[in-house]
C-alpha atoms as a PDB file:
ATOM      1  CA  UNK A   1     101.449  43.819  27.700  1.00  0.00           C
ATOM      2  CA  UNK A   2     104.346  43.767  30.163  1.00  0.00           C
ATOM      3  CA  UNK A   3     108.082  44.284  29.860  1.00  0.00           C
ATOM      4  CA  UNK A   4     111.022  43.890  32.215  1.00  0.00           C
ATOM      5  CA  UNK A   5     112.078  47.338  33.303  1.00  0.00           C
ATOM      6  CA  UNK A   6     115.263  49.125  32.342  1.00  0.00           C
ATOM      7  CA  UNK A   7     116.787  52.181  33.966  1.00  0.00           C
ATOM      8  CA  UNK A   8     115.080  54.455  31.461  1.00  0.00           C
ATOM      9  CA  UNK A   9     111.667  53.336  32.732  1.00  0.00           C
ATOM     10  CA  UNK A  10     112.202  54.697  36.244  1.00  0.00           C
ATOM     11  CA  UNK A  11     109.884  57.639  35.576  1.00  0.00           C
ATOM     12  CA  UNK A  12     107.015  55.360  34.524  1.00  0.00           C
ATOM     13  CA  UNK A  13     107.535  53.187  37.593  1.00  0.00           C
ATOM     14  CA  UNK A  14     107.691  56.263  39.822  1.00  0.00           C
ATOM     15  CA  UNK A  15     104.418  57.606  38.407  1.00  0.00           C
ATOM     16  CA  UNK A  16     102.579  54.389  39.290  1.00  0.00           C
ATOM     17  CA  UNK A  17     104.236  54.097  42.711  1.00  0.00           C
ATOM     18  CA  UNK A  18     103.166  57.664  43.521  1.00  0.00           C
ATOM     19  CA  UNK A  19      99.741  57.458  41.911  1.00  0.00           C
ATOM     20  CA  UNK A  20      98.424  54.012  42.844  1.00  0.00           C
ATOM     21  CA  UNK A  21      97.493  54.981  46.395  1.00  0.00           C
ATOM     22  CA  UNK A  22      99.301  52.155  48.189  1.00  0.00           C
ATOM     23  CA  UNK A  23     101.999  54.278  49.804  1.00  0.00           C
ATOM     24  CA  UNK A  24     102.217  57.378  51.936  1.00  0.00           C
ATOM     25  CA  UNK A  25     104.215  60.106  50.119  1.00  0.00           C
ATOM     26  CA  UNK A  26     107.374  59.476  52.158  1.00  0.00           C
ATOM     27  CA  UNK A  27     107.159  55.715  51.565  1.00  0.00           C
ATOM     28  CA  UNK A  28     106.712  56.274  47.838  1.00  0.00           C
ATOM     29  CA  UNK A  29     109.751  58.552  47.710  1.00  0.00           C
ATOM     30  CA  UNK A  30     111.867  55.962  49.550  1.00  0.00           C
ATOM     31  CA  UNK A  31     110.710  53.223  47.188  1.00  0.00           C
ATOM     32  CA  UNK A  32     111.420  55.401  44.141  1.00  0.00           C
ATOM     33  CA  UNK A  33     114.795  56.343  45.589  1.00  0.00           C
ATOM     34  CA  UNK A  34     115.763  52.657  45.654  1.00  0.00           C
ATOM     35  CA  UNK A  35     115.148  52.164  41.927  1.00  0.00           C
ATOM     36  CA  UNK A  36     118.551  53.398  40.648  1.00  0.00           C
ATOM     37  CA  UNK A  37     120.361  50.963  42.961  1.00  0.00           C
ATOM     38  CA  UNK A  38     118.037  48.160  41.852  1.00  0.00           C
ATOM     39  CA  UNK A  39     118.870  48.747  38.189  1.00  0.00           C
ATOM     40  CA  UNK A  40     122.585  49.248  38.874  1.00  0.00           C
ATOM     41  CA  UNK A  41     122.725  45.844  40.612  1.00  0.00           C
ATOM     42  CA  UNK A  42     120.816  44.222  37.725  1.00  0.00           C
ATOM     43  CA  UNK A  43     118.002  43.428  40.146  1.00  0.00           C
ATOM     44  CA  UNK A  44     119.657  40.451  41.875  1.00  0.00           C
ATOM     45  CA  UNK A  45     116.777  38.202  40.792  1.00  0.00           C
ATOM     46  CA  UNK A  46     114.108  40.833  41.353  1.00  0.00           C
ATOM     47  CA  UNK A  47     111.901  41.691  38.380  1.00  0.00           C
ATOM     48  CA  UNK A  48     109.775  44.761  37.634  1.00  0.00           C
ATOM     49  CA  UNK A  49     106.945  44.424  35.112  1.00  0.00           C
ATOM     50  CA  UNK A  50     105.249  47.473  33.592  1.00  0.00           C
ATOM     51  CA  UNK A  51     101.800  47.303  32.012  1.00  0.00           C
ATOM     52  CA  UNK A  52     101.151  49.230  28.840  1.00  0.00           C
ATOM     53  CA  UNK A  53     102.227  52.850  28.950  1.00  0.00           C
ATOM     54  CA  UNK A  54     102.556  52.844  32.726  1.00  0.00           C
ATOM     55  CA  UNK A  55      99.048  51.808  33.760  1.00  0.00           C
ATOM     56  CA  UNK A  56     100.407  49.532  36.479  1.00  0.00           C
ATOM     57  CA  UNK A  57     103.451  47.742  37.826  1.00  0.00           C
ATOM     58  CA  UNK A  58     104.301  44.473  39.531  1.00  0.00           C
ATOM     59  CA  UNK A  59     107.481  43.597  41.378  1.00  0.00           C
ATOM     60  CA  UNK A  60     108.613  40.088  42.279  1.00  0.00           C
ATOM     61  CA  UNK A  61     111.578  38.972  44.324  1.00  0.00           C
ATOM     62  CA  UNK A  62     113.132  35.574  45.051  1.00  0.00           C
ATOM     63  CA  UNK A  63     112.232  33.850  48.314  1.00  0.00           C
ATOM     64  CA  UNK A  64     114.620  31.864  50.472  1.00  0.00           C
ATOM     65  CA  UNK A  65     113.397  28.567  49.046  1.00  0.00           C
ATOM     66  CA  UNK A  66     114.682  27.557  45.612  1.00  0.00           C
ATOM     67  CA  UNK A  67     112.443  28.364  42.667  1.00  0.00           C
ATOM     68  CA  UNK A  68     109.979  30.501  44.614  1.00  0.00           C
ATOM     69  CA  UNK A  69     109.291  34.171  43.952  1.00  0.00           C
ATOM     70  CA  UNK A  70     107.098  36.469  45.986  1.00  0.00           C
ATOM     71  CA  UNK A  71     104.913  39.070  44.275  1.00  0.00           C
ATOM     72  CA  UNK A  72     105.761  42.013  46.544  1.00  0.00           C
ATOM     73  CA  UNK A  73     104.057  44.894  44.829  1.00  0.00           C
ATOM     74  CA  UNK A  74     101.115  45.233  42.472  1.00  0.00           C
ATOM     75  CA  UNK A  75      99.846  48.713  41.767  1.00  0.00           C
ATOM     76  CA  UNK A  76      97.494  50.125  39.128  1.00  0.00           C
ATOM     77  CA  UNK A  77      96.695  53.780  38.579  1.00  0.00           C
ATOM     78  CA  UNK A  78      93.103  54.573  39.612  1.00  0.00           C
ATOM     79  CA  UNK A  79      92.055  55.642  36.121  1.00  0.00           C
ATOM     80  CA  UNK A  80      93.328  52.314  34.723  1.00  0.00           C
ATOM     81  CA  UNK A  81      91.545  50.020  37.186  1.00  0.00           C
ATOM     82  CA  UNK A  82      88.852  47.516  36.214  1.00  0.00           C
ATOM     83  CA  UNK A  83      90.491  46.967  32.815  1.00  0.00           C
ATOM     84  CA  UNK A  84      92.378  43.750  33.555  1.00  0.00           C
ATOM     85  CA  UNK A  85      95.746  45.446  34.153  1.00  0.00           C
ATOM     86  CA  UNK A  86      96.422  43.764  37.518  1.00  0.00           C
ATOM     87  CA  UNK A  87      95.293  40.391  36.184  1.00  0.00           C
ATOM     88  CA  UNK A  88      97.689  40.723  33.220  1.00  0.00           C
ATOM     89  CA  UNK A  89     100.566  41.693  35.525  1.00  0.00           C
ATOM     90  CA  UNK A  90      99.971  38.708  37.822  1.00  0.00           C
ATOM     91  CA  UNK A  91      99.762  36.384  34.821  1.00  0.00           C
ATOM     92  CA  UNK A  92     103.017  37.792  33.418  1.00  0.00           C
ATOM     93  CA  UNK A  93     104.771  37.382  36.771  1.00  0.00           C
ATOM     94  CA  UNK A  94     103.615  33.760  36.945  1.00  0.00           C
ATOM     95  CA  UNK A  95     104.755  33.056  33.385  1.00  0.00           C
ATOM     96  CA  UNK A  96     108.185  34.582  34.039  1.00  0.00           C
ATOM     97  CA  UNK A  97     108.538  32.509  37.218  1.00  0.00           C
ATOM     98  CA  UNK A  98     107.615  29.286  35.374  1.00  0.00           C
ATOM     99  CA  UNK A  99     110.066  30.139  32.573  1.00  0.00           C
ATOM    100  CA  UNK A 100     112.764  30.420  35.242  1.00  0.00           C
ATOM    101  CA  UNK A 101     111.795  27.005  36.628  1.00  0.00           C
ATOM    102  CA  UNK A 102     109.868  28.274  39.617  1.00  0.00           C
ATOM    103  CA  UNK A 103     106.576  29.655  40.840  1.00  0.00           C
ATOM    104  CA  UNK A 104     105.163  32.803  42.418  1.00  0.00           C
ATOM    105  CA  UNK A 105     103.775  32.715  45.938  1.00  0.00           C
END
């Protein structure tokens, strides 16, 4: 249900960032504006996960301690809520962290 994001998925990520209701419009635009740099740098350990056809996104980033990742962002479009999207994204983030020899906090 989830896939690591590539540059071509920026539009799907942007739609969830703008539509999930977690950010003021200016904050959303700043977040979206940082996506090209994120992909150009290959994420530097940060991972974006996209659910389905853009129903929701999760973003995790490494912490200072070894093997620990922090789930920084979890957003689901209002019309996709209460369908298990967030639960699937959290589970995928935890699986990816374990596969990398770590854990999510």
